[in-house]
Amino acid sequence: MKILYGVQGTGNGHISRARIMAKQFSTMDADVDYLFSGRPPEKYFDMQVFGDYRTRTGISFISANGKVKHLETLRQLKLNQFVQDVKSLDVSSYDLIINDFEPISAWAAKRQKVPCMSVSHQASFLRPIPSKGMSLVDKAILRHFAPSDIQLGVHWYHFGYNIIPPFIEPMAESELLNSSSRRILVYLPFESLEFVTSILTGLSDYEFCCYHPDAEHLELDNIIFKPLSRETFKYDLATAKAVIANAGFELSSECITYGKQLLLKPLSGQFEQSSNAHTLALLGLADVIDDLDMDAIESWLQKSYSGKVRFPSNPQPFAEWILKGEWDNIQPLKDKLWSQVDFPQAVSDHLARIKAA
């Protein structure tokens, strides 16, 4: 089967999910090409697994100081370039387009009548699952930004719909056992690095490892700053006691899988992050703050966490289902994948209350 995998490049979570699938597809009888859009080509990193991947400008959202800037987003839209990219992308030789909220490949597939399967966290919100702050504009974007024939959501629970769990690569037990009771991982890429630094330096009883797009490798008082790197980030995540982050789906999934205490500061104006934070708070798996505040962080650091959620680590059953081509028959796949998920009792109790509501 020949597949084009379109990936939204604005968030590292989309790329992380695609990495797991790319490793699996490379072991199977599948010819898979990869297309990324949404960030400048030079801003991608750790992309070796995708081989000779392609990039396009695409559509991305502008943020500053922890908030989505809607007017700036509209001003920087290059609609003529987008239309040209859709028209010039020839997908006629592909049997299937797999799409993780990537608009160019989705619209090219629609235009050329090639089957398109949405496999994304965003697709979950096409169903009436727990959410927060979703406007009519958000609903329209979800339906039309990257249209598809088949929608398969990815979320922490299925809520009775066509939603599968995330695939999370296992962490070495030796790394998890070496976690420090004082080391906190911080990943707040949408916040001002200067402001984040001012908050963390005031919490001198803790050690912080801070990743940020604007950071260079530097040690300052109780903070180690690091530029973005998937490999070093994985190690620092494994050895951290807790994580402070925006409410992206993939990192939150890793944190609750590895049993990391989690504090989320959602990107203001971004309903998906607000909904992620809302859902994890409902499940008792994270604490949420609307603004970075030193006292709130210190209070959170005194708390304990709710334990680990076990998600599948092997995407082979999902990849086999895709290559089999029986895409209307989703239930057996769902049953198999969700049977591998194990929630702590406290989380199961929260889920029972949500389903009963």
Protein backbone atom coordinates (compact mmCIF):
# COMPACT_ATOMS: atom_id res chain seq x y z
CA MET A 1 0.00 0.00 0.00
CA LYS A 2 1.26 3.47 -0.87
CA ILE A 3 0.48 6.07 1.80
CA LEU A 4 1.05 9.78 2.22
CA TYR A 5 1.19 10.77 5.90
CA GLY A 6 0.37 14.47 6.39
CA VAL A 7 1.44 15.94 9.73
CA GLN A 8 0.68 19.31 11.32
CA GLY A 9 4.12 20.64 12.18
CA THR A 10 3.16 23.48 14.52
CA GLY A 11 3.18 21.20 17.57
CA ASN A 12 5.83 18.68 18.52
CA GLY A 13 3.10 16.29 19.69
CA HIS A 14 1.85 15.68 16.15
CA ILE A 15 5.41 14.87 15.07
CA SER A 16 6.01 12.59 18.07
CA ARG A 17 2.90 10.58 17.18
CA ALA A 18 4.06 10.33 13.56
CA ARG A 19 7.53 9.15 14.69
CA ILE A 20 6.01 6.15 16.46
CA MET A 21 3.99 5.23 13.37
CA ALA A 22 6.97 5.81 11.04
CA LYS A 23 9.10 3.36 13.02
CA GLN A 24 6.33 0.77 12.75
CA PHE A 25 5.63 1.30 9.04
CA SER A 26 9.34 0.93 8.28
CA THR A 27 9.10 -2.74 9.40
CA MET A 28 6.06 -3.52 7.22
CA ASP A 29 5.09 -3.88 3.58
CA ALA A 30 4.11 -0.24 3.19
CA ASP A 31 5.47 2.61 1.09
CA VAL A 32 4.95 5.72 3.21
CA ASP A 33 5.90 9.30 2.35
CA TYR A 34 5.69 12.16 4.86
CA LEU A 35 4.55 15.76 4.42
CA PHE A 36 4.84 18.39 7.18
CA SER A 37 3.46 21.91 7.20
CA GLY A 38 3.05 24.74 9.68
CA ARG A 39 6.62 25.69 10.60
CA PRO A 40 9.73 26.85 8.74
CA PRO A 41 11.77 23.92 7.36
CA GLU A 42 14.83 24.82 9.45
CA LYS A 43 12.80 24.58 12.68
CA TYR A 44 12.20 20.82 12.42
CA PHE A 45 14.55 18.61 14.45
CA ASP A 46 15.20 14.89 15.04
CA MET A 47 13.48 14.00 11.76
CA GLN A 48 15.72 11.13 10.55
CA VAL A 49 13.01 8.49 10.89
CA PHE A 50 10.94 10.21 8.18
CA GLY A 51 13.57 9.83 5.47
CA ASP A 52 13.19 12.19 2.52
CA TYR A 53 10.19 14.05 3.95
CA ARG A 54 8.62 17.13 2.34
CA THR A 55 7.57 20.43 3.89
CA ARG A 56 5.09 23.11 2.93
CA THR A 57 4.18 26.48 4.46
CA GLY A 58 0.69 25.43 5.52
CA ILE A 59 -1.30 27.31 8.15
CA SER A 60 -0.13 28.01 11.68
CA PHE A 61 -1.36 30.02 14.64
CA ILE A 62 0.55 32.96 16.14
CA SER A 63 0.95 33.15 19.93
CA ALA A 64 2.83 35.41 22.33
CA ASN A 65 3.16 35.44 26.12
CA GLY A 66 0.94 32.40 26.51
CA LYS A 67 -1.98 33.60 24.38
CA VAL A 68 -3.16 32.94 20.83
CA LYS A 69 -3.04 36.17 18.81
CA HIS A 70 -6.05 35.91 16.51
CA LEU A 71 -5.51 39.13 14.54
CA GLU A 72 -1.82 38.36 14.00
CA THR A 73 -2.78 34.86 12.90
CA LEU A 74 -5.16 36.27 10.28
CA ARG A 75 -2.59 38.79 9.07
CA GLN A 76 0.10 36.19 8.47
CA LEU A 77 -2.13 33.74 6.58
CA LYS A 78 -0.75 33.12 3.11
CA LEU A 79 -3.94 31.89 1.48
CA ASN A 80 -2.66 32.22 -2.09
CA GLN A 81 0.35 30.07 -1.19
CA PHE A 82 -1.94 27.57 0.55
CA VAL A 83 -4.21 27.25 -2.50
CA GLN A 84 -1.20 26.85 -4.76
CA ASP A 85 0.27 24.16 -2.51
CA VAL A 86 -3.02 22.23 -2.51
CA LYS A 87 -3.31 22.39 -6.30
CA SER A 88 0.32 21.43 -6.90
CA LEU A 89 0.39 18.45 -4.51
CA ASP A 90 -0.25 15.36 -6.64
CA VAL A 91 -1.66 12.59 -4.44
CA SER A 92 -3.24 10.55 -7.25
CA SER A 93 -0.68 7.72 -6.92
CA TYR A 94 -1.50 7.08 -3.24
CA ASP A 95 -3.93 4.49 -1.94
CA LEU A 96 -4.55 6.42 1.28
CA ILE A 97 -3.80 9.75 2.92
CA ILE A 98 -3.29 9.51 6.70
CA ASN A 99 -3.78 12.95 8.14
CA ASP A 100 -2.85 14.39 11.53
CA PHE A 101 -4.60 17.78 11.21
CA GLU A 102 -2.49 18.75 8.19
CA PRO A 103 -4.60 20.84 5.76
CA ILE A 104 -2.65 20.68 2.48
CA SER A 105 -2.67 16.90 2.10
CA ALA A 106 -6.29 16.74 3.35
CA TRP A 107 -7.57 19.24 0.79
CA ALA A 108 -5.47 17.71 -1.99
CA ALA A 109 -7.02 14.32 -1.19
CA LYS A 110 -10.52 15.79 -1.24
CA ARG A 111 -9.83 17.55 -4.54
CA GLN A 112 -8.40 14.42 -6.19
CA LYS A 113 -10.86 11.99 -4.54
CA VAL A 114 -8.22 9.92 -2.71
CA PRO A 115 -9.35 8.29 0.57
CA CYS A 116 -8.27 10.36 3.56
CA MET A 117 -8.19 9.09 7.15
CA SER A 118 -7.90 11.60 9.98
CA VAL A 119 -5.92 10.17 12.90
CA SER A 120 -5.58 13.02 15.36
CA HIS A 121 -6.42 14.32 18.78
CA GLN A 122 -8.48 17.06 17.10
CA ALA A 123 -10.74 14.43 15.51
CA SER A 124 -11.86 13.43 19.02
CA PHE A 125 -13.56 16.81 19.40
CA LEU A 126 -15.84 16.08 16.45
CA ARG A 127 -17.73 13.99 19.05
CA PRO A 128 -19.53 15.31 22.16
CA ILE A 129 -16.68 14.56 24.58
CA PRO A 130 -15.65 16.75 27.56
CA SER A 131 -14.36 20.10 26.32
CA LYS A 132 -13.92 23.66 27.46
CA GLY A 133 -14.06 26.96 25.61
CA MET A 134 -15.03 25.59 22.19
CA SER A 135 -16.61 28.34 20.09
CA LEU A 136 -18.59 28.08 16.86
CA VAL A 137 -15.43 29.16 15.03
CA ASP A 138 -13.49 26.33 16.69
CA LYS A 139 -16.16 23.85 15.60
CA ALA A 140 -15.97 25.11 12.02
CA ILE A 141 -12.16 24.83 12.03
CA LEU A 142 -12.34 21.26 13.32
CA ARG A 143 -14.67 20.26 10.49
CA HIS A 144 -13.09 22.13 7.60
CA PHE A 145 -9.41 22.79 8.40
CA ALA A 146 -8.33 19.29 7.34
CA PRO A 147 -11.39 17.43 5.93
CA SER A 148 -11.36 13.64 5.78
CA ASP A 149 -13.50 10.64 4.86
CA ILE A 150 -12.72 8.66 8.02
CA GLN A 151 -12.29 10.27 11.44
CA LEU A 152 -10.41 8.40 14.15
CA GLY A 153 -9.77 10.40 17.29
CA VAL A 154 -6.90 9.86 19.72
CA HIS A 155 -7.65 10.58 23.37
CA TRP A 156 -7.22 9.38 26.96
CA TYR A 157 -10.65 7.73 26.88
CA HIS A 158 -13.06 6.76 24.11
CA PHE A 159 -16.31 8.09 25.72
CA GLY A 160 -18.17 5.58 23.51
CA TYR A 161 -16.98 6.96 20.14
CA ASN A 162 -14.46 6.12 17.40
CA ILE A 163 -11.47 7.13 19.51
CA ILE A 164 -8.30 5.12 20.15
CA PRO A 165 -5.74 5.55 22.94
CA PRO A 166 -2.35 7.18 22.33
CA PHE A 167 0.72 5.03 21.75
CA ILE A 168 3.43 5.87 24.27
CA GLU A 169 6.94 4.50 23.94
CA PRO A 170 8.10 2.81 27.15
CA MET A 171 10.75 4.48 29.27
CA ALA A 172 13.66 2.48 30.66
CA GLU A 173 12.95 1.51 34.26
CA SER A 174 16.51 2.44 35.21
CA GLU A 175 15.83 6.02 34.11
CA LEU A 176 12.50 6.23 35.91
CA LEU A 177 14.07 4.88 39.12
CA ASN A 178 16.74 7.59 38.97
CA SER A 179 14.21 10.39 39.14
CA SER A 180 15.08 13.22 41.53
CA SER A 181 12.72 14.43 44.24
CA ARG A 182 13.80 18.02 43.50
CA ARG A 183 14.15 18.15 39.71
CA ILE A 184 11.24 19.69 37.78
CA LEU A 185 10.97 19.65 33.99
CA VAL A 186 9.51 22.83 32.49
CA TYR A 187 8.23 23.05 28.92
CA LEU A 188 6.30 26.26 28.26
CA PRO A 189 7.12 27.13 24.64
CA PHE A 190 4.28 29.64 24.31
CA GLU A 191 5.34 31.70 27.33
CA SER A 192 8.00 34.40 27.41
CA LEU A 193 11.32 32.83 28.39
CA GLU A 194 12.16 35.92 30.43
CA PHE A 195 8.91 35.63 32.42
CA VAL A 196 9.34 31.88 32.98
CA THR A 197 12.86 32.54 34.26
CA SER A 198 11.63 35.18 36.71
CA ILE A 199 9.14 32.70 38.19
CA LEU A 200 11.52 29.75 38.47
CA THR A 201 14.41 31.65 40.05
CA GLY A 202 12.08 32.51 42.94
CA LEU A 203 11.63 28.79 43.73
CA SER A 204 15.19 28.22 44.87
CA ASP A 205 14.46 25.00 46.81
CA TYR A 206 13.95 23.12 43.52
CA GLU A 207 16.03 22.35 40.46
CA PHE A 208 14.44 23.17 37.11
CA CYS A 209 15.30 21.89 33.66
CA CYS A 210 13.70 24.33 31.23
CA TYR A 211 13.26 23.61 27.52
CA HIS A 212 12.22 26.52 25.33
CA PRO A 213 12.44 27.42 21.61
CA ASP A 214 14.38 30.58 22.53
CA ALA A 215 16.76 28.89 24.99
CA GLU A 216 20.44 28.10 24.61
CA HIS A 217 22.29 25.64 26.83
CA LEU A 218 22.95 27.62 30.00
CA GLU A 219 23.00 27.11 33.78
CA LEU A 220 21.64 29.96 35.88
CA ASP A 221 21.19 29.60 39.65
CA ASN A 222 18.65 26.74 40.07
CA ILE A 223 17.76 26.45 36.35
CA ILE A 224 19.34 24.53 33.48
CA PHE A 225 18.14 25.93 30.13
CA LYS A 226 18.17 23.68 27.08
CA PRO A 227 17.24 24.10 23.40
CA LEU A 228 14.64 21.75 21.92
CA SER A 229 15.91 18.18 21.42
CA ARG A 230 13.78 15.07 21.51
CA GLU A 231 16.51 12.73 22.77
CA THR A 232 17.71 14.84 25.71
CA PHE A 233 14.12 15.80 26.52
CA LYS A 234 13.14 12.13 26.92
CA TYR A 235 15.92 11.57 29.45
CA ASP A 236 15.09 14.72 31.42
CA LEU A 237 11.42 13.73 31.43
CA ALA A 238 12.28 10.28 32.78
CA THR A 239 14.42 11.61 35.62
CA ALA A 240 12.15 14.48 36.68
CA LYS A 241 9.88 14.37 39.72
CA ALA A 242 7.26 16.56 38.08
CA VAL A 243 6.43 18.52 34.94
CA ILE A 244 5.14 22.05 34.36
CA ALA A 245 3.85 22.47 30.81
CA ASN A 246 1.29 23.92 28.47
CA ALA A 247 -1.55 21.47 27.87
CA GLY A 248 -0.41 19.75 24.69
CA PHE A 249 -1.80 16.26 24.22
CA GLU A 250 1.32 14.20 23.57
CA LEU A 251 3.49 15.45 26.44
CA SER A 252 0.54 15.20 28.84
CA SER A 253 0.05 11.60 27.68
CA GLU A 254 3.71 10.79 28.37
CA CYS A 255 3.56 12.38 31.81
CA ILE A 256 0.54 10.40 32.99
CA THR A 257 2.06 7.21 31.53
CA TYR A 258 5.35 7.70 33.37
CA GLY A 259 3.65 8.72 36.60
CA LYS A 260 4.85 12.31 36.65
CA GLN A 261 3.13 14.91 38.77
CA LEU A 262 1.69 17.37 36.25
CA LEU A 263 0.86 21.07 36.36
CA LEU A 264 -0.73 22.52 33.23
CA LYS A 265 -0.96 26.13 32.10
CA PRO A 266 -3.09 25.98 28.89
CA LEU A 267 -2.36 28.30 26.00
CA SER A 268 -5.00 31.01 26.40
CA GLY A 269 -7.44 31.19 23.51
CA GLN A 270 -6.69 27.64 22.33
CA PHE A 271 -9.72 25.49 23.10
CA GLU A 272 -7.88 22.19 22.59
CA GLN A 273 -5.39 22.94 25.34
CA SER A 274 -8.15 24.25 27.62
CA SER A 275 -10.09 21.04 26.98
CA ASN A 276 -7.04 18.85 27.63
CA ALA A 277 -6.41 20.55 30.95
CA HIS A 278 -10.12 20.35 31.84
CA THR A 279 -10.25 16.60 31.10
CA LEU A 280 -7.09 15.74 33.04
CA ALA A 281 -8.34 17.76 36.00
CA LEU A 282 -11.67 15.87 35.84
CA LEU A 283 -9.72 12.59 35.93
CA GLY A 284 -7.56 13.75 38.82
CA LEU A 285 -4.39 13.41 36.74
CA ALA A 286 -3.24 17.04 36.65
CA ASP A 287 -3.58 20.40 38.33
CA VAL A 288 -4.37 23.47 36.24
CA ILE A 289 -3.45 27.15 36.53
CA ASP A 290 -4.58 29.97 34.25
CA ASP A 291 -1.52 32.13 34.94
CA LEU A 292 2.03 31.36 36.00
CA ASP A 293 2.18 32.15 39.70
CA MET A 294 5.00 31.35 42.10
CA ASP A 295 2.74 30.62 45.09
CA ALA A 296 0.47 28.33 43.05
CA ILE A 297 3.47 26.37 41.75
CA GLU A 298 4.97 26.00 45.23
CA SER A 299 1.64 24.79 46.62
CA TRP A 300 1.31 22.26 43.80
CA LEU A 301 4.80 20.91 44.46
CA GLN A 302 3.69 19.85 47.93
CA LYS A 303 0.98 17.56 46.52
CA SER A 304 1.15 13.90 45.50
CA TYR A 305 0.12 12.48 42.13
CA SER A 306 -2.57 9.94 41.19
CA GLY A 307 -0.36 7.20 39.73
CA LYS A 308 0.27 5.92 36.23
CA VAL A 309 -2.06 5.22 33.31
CA ARG A 310 -0.90 2.40 31.09
CA PHE A 311 -1.40 3.04 27.38
CA PRO A 312 -0.36 0.77 24.48
CA SER A 313 3.26 1.09 23.36
CA ASN A 314 3.08 -1.08 20.24
CA PRO A 315 1.26 0.48 17.25
CA GLN A 316 1.52 -2.71 15.16
CA PRO A 317 -2.19 -3.68 15.51
CA PHE A 318 -3.18 -0.21 14.34
CA ALA A 319 -0.74 -0.25 11.41
CA GLU A 320 -1.97 -3.73 10.39
CA TRP A 321 -5.58 -2.50 10.52
CA ILE A 322 -4.68 0.41 8.23
CA LEU A 323 -2.91 -1.83 5.71
CA LYS A 324 -5.75 -4.34 5.73
CA GLY A 325 -7.99 -1.66 4.23
CA GLU A 326 -11.22 -2.54 6.07
CA TRP A 327 -11.57 0.98 7.46
CA ASP A 328 -15.31 0.78 8.11
CA ASN A 329 -14.73 -2.00 10.65
CA ILE A 330 -13.26 0.00 13.55
CA GLN A 331 -14.78 -1.79 16.56
CA PRO A 332 -12.38 -4.78 16.72
CA LEU A 333 -9.43 -2.38 16.63
CA LYS A 334 -10.92 -0.23 19.39
CA ASP A 335 -11.64 -3.26 21.57
CA LYS A 336 -8.10 -4.58 21.17
CA LEU A 337 -6.39 -1.28 21.91
CA TRP A 338 -8.54 -0.22 24.86
CA SER A 339 -8.15 -3.66 26.45
CA GLN A 340 -4.47 -2.75 26.90
CA VAL A 341 -5.26 0.45 28.85
CA ASP A 342 -5.08 0.33 32.63
CA PHE A 343 -6.32 3.23 34.77
CA PRO A 344 -5.62 3.73 38.48
CA GLN A 345 -8.72 3.07 40.59
CA ALA A 346 -9.16 6.77 41.38
CA VAL A 347 -9.22 7.59 37.66
CA SER A 348 -11.69 4.77 36.95
CA ASP A 349 -13.95 6.24 39.63
CA HIS A 350 -13.78 9.67 37.97
CA LEU A 351 -14.62 8.12 34.59
CA ALA A 352 -17.63 6.33 36.08
CA ARG A 353 -18.96 9.64 37.37
CA ILE A 354 -18.39 11.32 33.99
CA LYS A 355 -20.26 8.54 32.16
CA ALA A 356 -23.12 8.70 34.66
CA ALA A 357 -23.52 12.47 34.31
